[in-house]
Structures are given as C-alpha cells and as structure tokens.
Amino acid sequence: MKIHQEAIDAIENFSMPDNVGFGKVMLPIMAQATYKDGQWSQVEVIPYQKLELDPTCKVLHYGQEIFEGMKAYNFKGNGPNLFRPEENLKRFNKSAVRMAMPEISEELFMGAVEEVTWLGRNFVPKRSGESLYLRPFMIASECNLGIKPSEEFIFLVLASPVGSYFSGASIKVLIERDMIRASSGGMGAAKTGGNYAGSLLAAIETKKLGFDQTLWLSAEDKESIEEMSGMNFFSVINGELHTPAISDTILDGITRRSLIDLAKSEGIKVSEYKLGITELLEKIKSGECSECFACGTAAILTPIASLHDKSGESYPLKQEHGPVAKMLRDNLLGIQELSIEDKFSWTKLLKK
C-alpha cells in the first residue's frame, strides 16, 4: 500500500457541502491498482482525478467491467464501520469470473476499501440514514479492438458522502411484461454495467407513464417475478415473507440476504421460490398480500404502494408502510449504525 502525500493533502483541504445528495459529491482521493502480466500491482491512494484511456480500450467497446456498492457508517461518531464488506468481495470475484476478469485478493480489495474509508473518516456523515458510499470497480484497460478478453485491468475505489436515499415515501411499480432484464445462462447475476444499461429504456417508459420503478419478470415464461432494476423484491403474504429464489438471472443482494436473516431471527417464516406475478396480484386483491417492498444498498428498504399493468389495472397494497417492512428496515439500519446489538457480526469497525 502506497499513500501519496498529495492524497493526504487533498483530503485535509477538502470541504464537504451541506447538501451532498447521492453520488454527486466525491471525496478528493481514490485507491488504484493495475493488473498486467498476470499479477496485480500494489494499491496506491492518489488524489481523485480523471482517467486517461486509449480510445481502443476494451471497456469502451465490449463492456468488460464490474463494480460493487457498499457503505461505511459513522452514526453519532460511533464509526467508521463497514457493513459486511467480505460479502462485497465475494460477489465482486463472482462477477469477475463471469466477465472473464481476474479475481482480486482479500488483502488488496479490503486494503483499498479500508484505507479510503479511514482517510475520509472525517467526512462520513453522522446523521441517521447517511453514510459514505463506496464504489469499488474494475475495468478492462487493454488497448486494441480485438474481441477477446482483456489481459490488462484497472481496479479503483471511489468514495462519496451521501444523504439518506430513503425519503420515507412509498413507490408505484410498473410490471414490465415486454422487455426482459436477463436470461438463464447470461450475466444477470453479475454486478456489471450492462445489466443496468439494459434496464434504462424500461425506466424511461416507466417514468413517462407516471410510475417510479420497474418490476422484471423472467425471460423464460414472462410470469415468474425476478427483481427490480436495481433492487431485490419482497412481499408479505399471510404474515410470511416471500421473495424470488436466487438464480443466474437475479443479483444475489447482500441487503436481501441480511433482511432474510433478520426476519428469521424475529420468527418470521421466509419462502424463497418462483413466485408468479399472476398469483401475487391475486393475493394483493384478496388482501392476503399485505405488503411489498424493494431492497438494496442505496435505499436499504423502500415500501411499495401499488403495482400497475400497462393495461391500466392497478393493484394497491393494503399497507403502504407495513409493520414487517418497518421492523426490518429499523433493525437493519440500527445494526449498520451500531445503535443496536449486532448479533450477526456483520459490522467491521475500523481502527488504526
């Protein structure tokens, strides 16, 4: 690990604006390592700066890249602490394998993430719901137009102080019955940019129709529920928690797994299976399904007010802000912010 003096100077002279939004304000430092000739360089922490890429760089043409989203917390000055960072590393390497990219060691990944967080510790927001959003990512940097896996890569970690992504408002969700997000055997389970780019056209249509988010169905039958464009999906049916089972078309969300463990610890039965949209809508109409919500790193948990079809049919939930969703969000945020006991050993407090 090499920490450049210019990076230390940059963070010491940094002034954080009062309103940071989400992903708009960047800390003036970043971590970087390069892969060449089959091995990684040491991590260097340098001032935040533009990347110089050759126009033939493979990431620009063939989309060979992966990323992660994770958070550090400092609620009431109790941190900084990371939430389940080892799970981000596991998923990062799983994505790397799928995208024909080199895996990265725990020492390199965690060292970069922890050093950027520690150097930026004075800019990890202290109010509840706020955090330091961390974006580790890797891009193919070999320069030629040949359609083959790159043999050179750049790994970086960026950091952005963020406000609360959760406004408290519930969302209206449009069921996407025409386009698909991913297909079996594809890269739907990898956290790679193409999966998100492929959802943008549907997002535009969703917004035009007056809705907030898109719910994707399986390519196989256009019936089984998969996930939202950037979040996993849950429903509460007869007091039990239901969520689509993880497959190679669904991102294995860390927030999702955490909520499942929390629910089980509270005595709530959890079912992971192929839930059909027809069945779900029938249960919403009958009142058996009382709550639906989405979850992910950014928002943690977002309640769903209603589901909608392009035909004009609406399916309002009996409880927009249901007790199960509220309990799960409060407990998860409490663990992340070190305000309640972490019985799962999910948090990692950074010390030097």
Protein backbone atom coordinates (compact mmCIF):
# COMPACT_ATOMS: atom_id res chain seq x y z
CA MET A 1 0.00 0.00 0.00
CA LYS A 2 1.37 3.37 -1.00
CA ILE A 3 -0.38 6.54 0.15
CA HIS A 4 0.66 9.58 -1.84
CA GLN A 5 1.24 12.79 0.09
CA GLU A 6 -0.86 14.61 -2.50
CA ALA A 7 -3.84 12.46 -1.47
CA ILE A 8 -3.32 13.30 2.20
CA ASP A 9 -3.10 17.00 1.32
CA ALA A 10 -6.26 16.75 -0.78
CA ILE A 11 -8.34 15.20 1.99
CA GLU A 12 -7.00 17.66 4.58
CA ASN A 13 -8.07 20.58 2.39
CA PHE A 14 -11.45 19.10 1.47
CA SER A 15 -14.63 20.93 2.46
CA MET A 16 -17.86 18.95 2.30
CA PRO A 17 -21.01 20.82 1.18
CA ASP A 18 -24.07 20.74 3.43
CA ASN A 19 -26.26 19.06 0.82
CA VAL A 20 -24.44 16.05 -0.61
CA GLY A 21 -27.33 14.24 -2.35
CA PHE A 22 -26.49 10.75 -3.62
CA GLY A 23 -23.33 10.06 -5.61
CA LYS A 24 -22.81 13.69 -6.54
CA VAL A 25 -20.03 14.69 -4.15
CA MET A 26 -16.81 12.68 -4.28
CA LEU A 27 -14.01 12.59 -1.75
CA PRO A 28 -10.83 14.02 -3.32
CA ILE A 29 -9.00 10.69 -3.08
CA MET A 30 -9.22 7.27 -4.69
CA ALA A 31 -7.43 3.92 -4.48
CA GLN A 32 -6.00 2.32 -7.61
CA ALA A 33 -4.22 -0.89 -8.63
CA THR A 34 -3.39 -2.25 -12.07
CA TYR A 35 -3.26 -5.79 -13.45
CA LYS A 36 -0.69 -6.70 -16.07
CA ASP A 37 1.33 -9.79 -16.98
CA GLY A 38 -0.87 -11.91 -14.73
CA GLN A 39 -0.39 -10.02 -11.49
CA TRP A 40 -1.71 -7.06 -9.54
CA SER A 41 0.37 -4.04 -8.61
CA GLN A 42 0.27 -2.67 -5.08
CA VAL A 43 -2.63 -0.40 -4.16
CA GLU A 44 -1.91 3.31 -4.33
CA VAL A 45 -4.07 6.01 -2.78
CA ILE A 46 -3.91 9.06 -5.02
CA PRO A 47 -5.85 12.30 -5.49
CA TYR A 48 -9.19 11.90 -7.24
CA GLN A 49 -8.55 12.52 -10.93
CA LYS A 50 -9.68 11.78 -14.45
CA LEU A 51 -8.64 8.53 -16.08
CA GLU A 52 -6.61 8.58 -19.27
CA LEU A 53 -7.88 5.80 -21.54
CA ASP A 54 -6.90 4.96 -25.10
CA PRO A 55 -9.92 5.15 -27.46
CA THR A 56 -9.46 1.43 -28.20
CA CYS A 57 -9.63 0.47 -24.52
CA LYS A 58 -11.75 -2.71 -24.35
CA VAL A 59 -14.09 -1.47 -21.64
CA LEU A 60 -15.28 1.25 -24.02
CA HIS A 61 -16.19 -1.22 -26.76
CA TYR A 62 -17.10 -4.52 -25.12
CA GLY A 63 -18.29 -3.51 -21.66
CA GLN A 64 -15.90 -5.71 -19.73
CA GLU A 65 -16.31 -4.19 -16.28
CA ILE A 66 -17.74 -4.94 -12.84
CA PHE A 67 -18.50 -2.92 -9.72
CA GLU A 68 -19.77 -3.05 -6.17
CA GLY A 69 -21.77 -0.75 -3.93
CA MET A 70 -21.09 -0.66 -0.20
CA LYS A 71 -21.34 1.74 2.72
CA ALA A 72 -19.41 2.97 5.73
CA TYR A 73 -21.31 4.47 8.67
CA ASN A 74 -20.41 6.89 11.45
CA PHE A 75 -23.74 7.49 13.23
CA LYS A 76 -23.17 9.83 16.20
CA GLY A 77 -19.43 9.38 15.72
CA ASN A 78 -19.51 5.65 16.55
CA GLY A 79 -17.61 4.62 13.42
CA PRO A 80 -16.34 4.50 10.84
CA ASN A 81 -17.59 0.97 10.30
CA LEU A 82 -18.24 -1.11 7.20
CA PHE A 83 -21.26 -3.36 6.67
CA ARG A 84 -20.49 -6.93 5.54
CA PRO A 85 -17.55 -5.93 3.31
CA GLU A 86 -16.42 -9.54 2.92
CA GLU A 87 -19.70 -10.28 1.13
CA ASN A 88 -18.99 -7.50 -1.36
CA LEU A 89 -15.59 -9.06 -2.05
CA LYS A 90 -17.15 -12.49 -2.66
CA ARG A 91 -19.71 -11.04 -5.06
CA PHE A 92 -17.06 -8.91 -6.79
CA ASN A 93 -14.99 -12.01 -7.52
CA LYS A 94 -18.06 -13.95 -8.63
CA SER A 95 -18.81 -11.15 -11.10
CA ALA A 96 -15.17 -11.16 -12.20
CA VAL A 97 -15.30 -14.85 -13.08
CA ARG A 98 -18.46 -14.37 -15.15
CA MET A 99 -16.96 -11.41 -17.03
CA ALA A 100 -13.61 -13.15 -17.73
CA MET A 101 -11.73 -10.84 -15.40
CA PRO A 102 -9.10 -11.63 -12.75
CA GLU A 103 -10.21 -12.26 -9.20
CA ILE A 104 -8.82 -9.96 -6.55
CA SER A 105 -7.33 -10.89 -3.19
CA GLU A 106 -8.91 -10.03 0.14
CA GLU A 107 -5.77 -8.13 1.10
CA LEU A 108 -5.93 -5.91 -1.98
CA PHE A 109 -9.70 -5.32 -2.01
CA MET A 110 -10.14 -4.76 1.72
CA GLY A 111 -6.94 -2.77 1.97
CA ALA A 112 -8.11 -0.33 -0.69
CA VAL A 113 -11.63 0.00 0.73
CA GLU A 114 -10.48 0.40 4.33
CA GLU A 115 -7.72 2.89 3.55
CA VAL A 116 -10.01 5.17 1.54
CA THR A 117 -12.62 4.96 4.31
CA TRP A 118 -10.10 5.66 7.05
CA LEU A 119 -8.52 8.62 5.25
CA GLY A 120 -12.01 10.01 4.64
CA ARG A 121 -13.31 9.22 8.14
CA ASN A 122 -13.97 12.87 8.99
CA PHE A 123 -16.38 13.05 6.05
CA VAL A 124 -18.50 10.02 6.88
CA PRO A 125 -21.84 11.69 7.77
CA LYS A 126 -23.02 11.25 11.36
CA ARG A 127 -26.78 11.64 10.94
CA SER A 128 -29.03 8.58 10.80
CA GLY A 129 -29.55 7.23 7.30
CA GLU A 130 -26.46 8.98 5.94
CA SER A 131 -23.21 7.23 5.06
CA LEU A 132 -20.07 7.11 2.96
CA TYR A 133 -20.94 5.25 -0.23
CA LEU A 134 -18.01 3.24 -1.59
CA ARG A 135 -17.71 2.18 -5.21
CA PRO A 136 -15.04 -0.45 -5.94
CA PHE A 137 -14.89 -1.25 -9.65
CA MET A 138 -12.69 -2.90 -12.26
CA ILE A 139 -12.39 -2.09 -15.96
CA ALA A 140 -10.66 -3.78 -18.89
CA SER A 141 -7.84 -1.46 -19.95
CA GLU A 142 -6.05 -3.34 -22.74
CA CYS A 143 -5.95 -1.26 -25.90
CA ASN A 144 -6.98 -2.95 -29.15
CA LEU A 145 -10.22 -3.72 -30.96
CA GLY A 146 -9.86 -7.50 -30.90
CA ILE A 147 -12.94 -9.24 -29.50
CA LYS A 148 -11.25 -11.24 -26.78
CA PRO A 149 -10.85 -10.90 -23.00
CA SER A 150 -8.56 -8.12 -21.91
CA GLU A 151 -5.28 -9.05 -20.25
CA GLU A 152 -4.91 -5.69 -18.52
CA PHE A 153 -7.23 -4.16 -15.92
CA ILE A 154 -7.59 -1.21 -13.57
CA PHE A 155 -9.15 -1.56 -10.11
CA LEU A 156 -10.35 1.57 -8.33
CA VAL A 157 -12.23 2.55 -5.19
CA LEU A 158 -14.16 5.83 -5.05
CA ALA A 159 -15.94 7.30 -2.03
CA SER A 160 -18.95 9.60 -1.89
CA PRO A 161 -20.61 11.06 1.23
CA VAL A 162 -24.34 10.52 0.73
CA GLY A 163 -27.54 11.68 2.35
CA SER A 164 -30.41 9.37 3.16
CA TYR A 165 -31.65 7.74 -0.05
CA PHE A 166 -34.83 6.77 1.80
CA SER A 167 -37.36 9.59 1.63
CA GLY A 168 -40.00 7.69 3.56
CA ALA A 169 -42.32 7.75 0.55
CA SER A 170 -43.64 4.54 -0.94
CA ILE A 171 -43.29 3.91 -4.67
CA LYS A 172 -45.55 2.91 -7.55
CA VAL A 173 -44.18 -0.01 -9.56
CA LEU A 174 -44.87 -0.88 -13.20
CA ILE A 175 -44.82 -4.55 -14.21
CA GLU A 176 -42.63 -4.99 -17.31
CA ARG A 177 -44.22 -7.68 -19.49
CA ASP A 178 -42.46 -6.96 -22.80
CA MET A 179 -38.74 -6.40 -22.27
CA ILE A 180 -36.52 -8.68 -20.19
CA ARG A 181 -33.64 -7.86 -17.86
CA ALA A 182 -31.72 -11.15 -18.07
CA SER A 183 -31.97 -14.71 -19.35
CA SER A 184 -30.73 -18.02 -17.98
CA GLY A 185 -27.09 -18.62 -18.81
CA GLY A 186 -26.49 -14.90 -19.23
CA MET A 187 -24.90 -12.39 -16.90
CA GLY A 188 -27.92 -11.37 -14.83
CA ALA A 189 -26.29 -12.44 -11.57
CA ALA A 190 -23.12 -10.41 -12.22
CA LYS A 191 -22.87 -6.84 -11.00
CA THR A 192 -21.83 -5.41 -14.34
CA GLY A 193 -22.88 -2.23 -16.09
CA GLY A 194 -24.63 -3.93 -18.98
CA ASN A 195 -27.36 -5.24 -16.70
CA TYR A 196 -28.16 -1.71 -15.60
CA ALA A 197 -27.86 -0.19 -19.07
CA GLY A 198 -30.35 -2.78 -20.32
CA SER A 199 -32.94 -1.53 -17.84
CA LEU A 200 -32.74 2.15 -18.78
CA LEU A 201 -35.18 2.08 -21.70
CA ALA A 202 -37.82 0.48 -19.49
CA ALA A 203 -37.05 3.08 -16.81
CA ILE A 204 -37.78 5.89 -19.27
CA GLU A 205 -41.12 4.34 -20.22
CA THR A 206 -41.95 3.71 -16.57
CA LYS A 207 -41.37 7.37 -15.71
CA LYS A 208 -43.38 8.57 -18.72
CA LEU A 209 -46.34 6.52 -17.51
CA GLY A 210 -46.11 8.12 -14.08
CA PHE A 211 -44.51 5.29 -12.12
CA ASP A 212 -41.32 5.07 -10.08
CA GLN A 213 -39.75 1.67 -10.66
CA THR A 214 -39.90 -1.37 -12.94
CA LEU A 215 -40.60 -4.94 -11.84
CA TRP A 216 -38.97 -7.50 -14.14
CA LEU A 217 -40.34 -10.94 -14.99
CA SER A 218 -38.38 -13.99 -16.15
CA ALA A 219 -37.41 -14.35 -19.80
CA GLU A 220 -38.44 -17.99 -19.61
CA ASP A 221 -42.16 -17.55 -19.02
CA LYS A 222 -42.81 -13.80 -18.56
CA GLU A 223 -44.57 -14.89 -15.37
CA SER A 224 -42.07 -15.52 -12.57
CA ILE A 225 -41.07 -12.41 -10.64
CA GLU A 226 -37.35 -11.65 -10.68
CA GLU A 227 -36.27 -8.26 -9.34
CA MET A 228 -36.47 -4.50 -9.77
CA SER A 229 -33.96 -2.66 -11.95
CA GLY A 230 -31.53 -2.17 -9.07
CA MET A 231 -33.21 -3.79 -6.08
CA ASN A 232 -34.48 -7.17 -4.90
CA PHE A 233 -38.21 -7.74 -4.35
CA PHE A 234 -40.15 -8.95 -1.30
CA SER A 235 -43.81 -9.49 -0.45
CA VAL A 236 -45.57 -10.28 2.81
CA ILE A 237 -48.27 -12.93 2.30
CA ASN A 238 -50.35 -14.08 5.25
CA GLY A 239 -47.68 -12.74 7.59
CA GLU A 240 -44.86 -14.65 5.88
CA LEU A 241 -42.01 -13.15 3.87
CA HIS A 242 -41.80 -14.21 0.21
CA THR A 243 -39.00 -13.43 -2.25
CA PRO A 244 -37.83 -14.85 -5.59
CA ALA A 245 -35.19 -17.54 -5.18
CA ILE A 246 -31.70 -16.53 -6.32
CA SER A 247 -30.77 -17.81 -9.78
CA ASP A 248 -28.32 -16.90 -12.52
CA THR A 249 -30.73 -14.17 -13.63
CA ILE A 250 -31.07 -12.41 -10.27
CA LEU A 251 -28.41 -10.45 -8.38
CA ASP A 252 -27.64 -12.02 -5.01
CA GLY A 253 -28.30 -8.92 -2.94
CA ILE A 254 -26.41 -8.52 0.34
CA THR A 255 -29.23 -6.40 1.76
CA ARG A 256 -31.66 -9.10 0.64
CA ARG A 257 -29.78 -11.83 2.49
CA SER A 258 -29.48 -9.63 5.57
CA LEU A 259 -33.23 -8.98 5.66
CA ILE A 260 -33.94 -12.70 5.31
CA ASP A 261 -31.69 -13.47 8.29
CA LEU A 262 -33.28 -10.67 10.32
CA ALA A 263 -36.79 -11.90 9.53
CA LYS A 264 -35.93 -15.46 10.56
CA SER A 265 -34.39 -14.19 13.80
CA GLU A 266 -37.72 -12.49 14.56
CA GLY A 267 -39.65 -15.71 13.98
CA ILE A 268 -40.99 -14.74 10.55
CA LYS A 269 -41.19 -17.61 8.07
CA VAL A 270 -39.33 -16.90 4.82
CA SER A 271 -40.10 -18.58 1.49
CA GLU A 272 -37.69 -18.33 -1.45
CA TYR A 273 -39.24 -19.69 -4.64
CA LYS A 274 -40.51 -18.81 -8.12
CA LEU A 275 -43.42 -16.55 -7.25
CA GLY A 276 -45.65 -15.87 -10.24
CA ILE A 277 -46.95 -12.38 -10.93
CA THR A 278 -50.49 -13.71 -11.52
CA GLU A 279 -50.51 -15.37 -8.10
CA LEU A 280 -49.12 -12.26 -6.41
CA LEU A 281 -51.69 -9.93 -7.96
CA GLU A 282 -54.50 -12.26 -6.91
CA LYS A 283 -53.19 -12.25 -3.35
CA ILE A 284 -52.96 -8.46 -3.36
CA LYS A 285 -56.58 -8.22 -4.50
CA SER A 286 -57.73 -10.72 -1.86
CA GLY A 287 -55.78 -8.96 0.87
CA GLU A 288 -53.58 -11.99 1.58
CA CYS A 289 -50.57 -9.98 0.41
CA SER A 290 -50.43 -7.02 2.76
CA GLU A 291 -47.01 -5.54 1.94
CA CYS A 292 -44.47 -5.39 -0.87
CA PHE A 293 -41.08 -3.72 -0.73
CA ALA A 294 -37.75 -3.49 -2.53
CA CYS A 295 -34.28 -3.51 -1.02
CA GLY A 296 -30.72 -2.64 -1.93
CA THR A 297 -27.57 -0.95 -0.66
CA ALA A 298 -28.60 2.57 -1.62
CA ALA A 299 -32.12 2.79 -0.18
CA ILE A 300 -31.87 -0.18 2.25
CA LEU A 301 -35.64 -0.78 2.04
CA THR A 302 -38.31 1.00 0.01
CA PRO A 303 -42.02 0.27 0.59
CA ILE A 304 -44.24 -0.28 -2.45
CA ALA A 305 -47.63 1.43 -2.55
CA SER A 306 -49.01 -0.31 -5.61
CA LEU A 307 -48.27 -2.47 -8.64
CA HIS A 308 -49.51 -1.46 -12.09
CA ASP A 309 -50.01 -3.01 -15.53
CA LYS A 310 -49.66 -1.10 -18.78
CA SER A 311 -53.28 -2.05 -19.46
CA GLY A 312 -54.24 0.43 -16.77
CA GLU A 313 -55.03 -2.01 -13.98
CA SER A 314 -53.77 -1.05 -10.53
CA TYR A 315 -53.15 -3.23 -7.50
CA PRO A 316 -52.81 -1.11 -4.36
CA LEU A 317 -51.30 -2.74 -1.29
CA LYS A 318 -53.35 -2.93 1.87
CA GLN A 319 -50.45 -1.42 3.81
CA GLU A 320 -48.14 1.07 2.08
CA HIS A 321 -45.93 1.28 5.17
CA GLY A 322 -46.41 -2.14 6.68
CA PRO A 323 -45.11 -3.34 10.06
CA VAL A 324 -42.85 -6.06 8.64
CA ALA A 325 -41.02 -3.67 6.30
CA LYS A 326 -40.66 -1.06 9.05
CA MET A 327 -39.32 -3.56 11.57
CA LEU A 328 -36.80 -4.98 9.10
CA ARG A 329 -35.56 -1.58 7.98
CA ASP A 330 -35.26 -0.21 11.52
CA ASN A 331 -33.37 -3.28 12.72
CA LEU A 332 -31.01 -3.41 9.75
CA LEU A 333 -30.22 0.31 9.91
CA GLY A 334 -29.74 0.01 13.67
CA ILE A 335 -27.11 -2.69 13.15
CA GLN A 336 -25.41 -0.75 10.37
CA GLU A 337 -25.22 2.37 12.54
CA LEU A 338 -24.12 0.47 15.68
CA SER A 339 -27.17 1.73 17.58
CA ILE A 340 -28.44 -1.78 18.33
CA GLU A 341 -26.59 -5.02 19.06
CA ASP A 342 -25.10 -6.77 16.03
CA LYS A 343 -25.91 -10.40 16.81
CA PHE A 344 -24.75 -11.46 13.34
CA SER A 345 -21.22 -9.94 13.42
CA TRP A 346 -21.98 -8.05 10.22
CA THR A 347 -20.21 -4.79 11.02
CA LYS A 348 -16.49 -4.11 10.90
CA LEU A 349 -15.28 -1.17 12.97
CA LEU A 350 -12.16 0.45 11.53
CA LYS A 351 -9.34 1.38 13.90
CA LYS A 352 -5.75 2.45 13.41
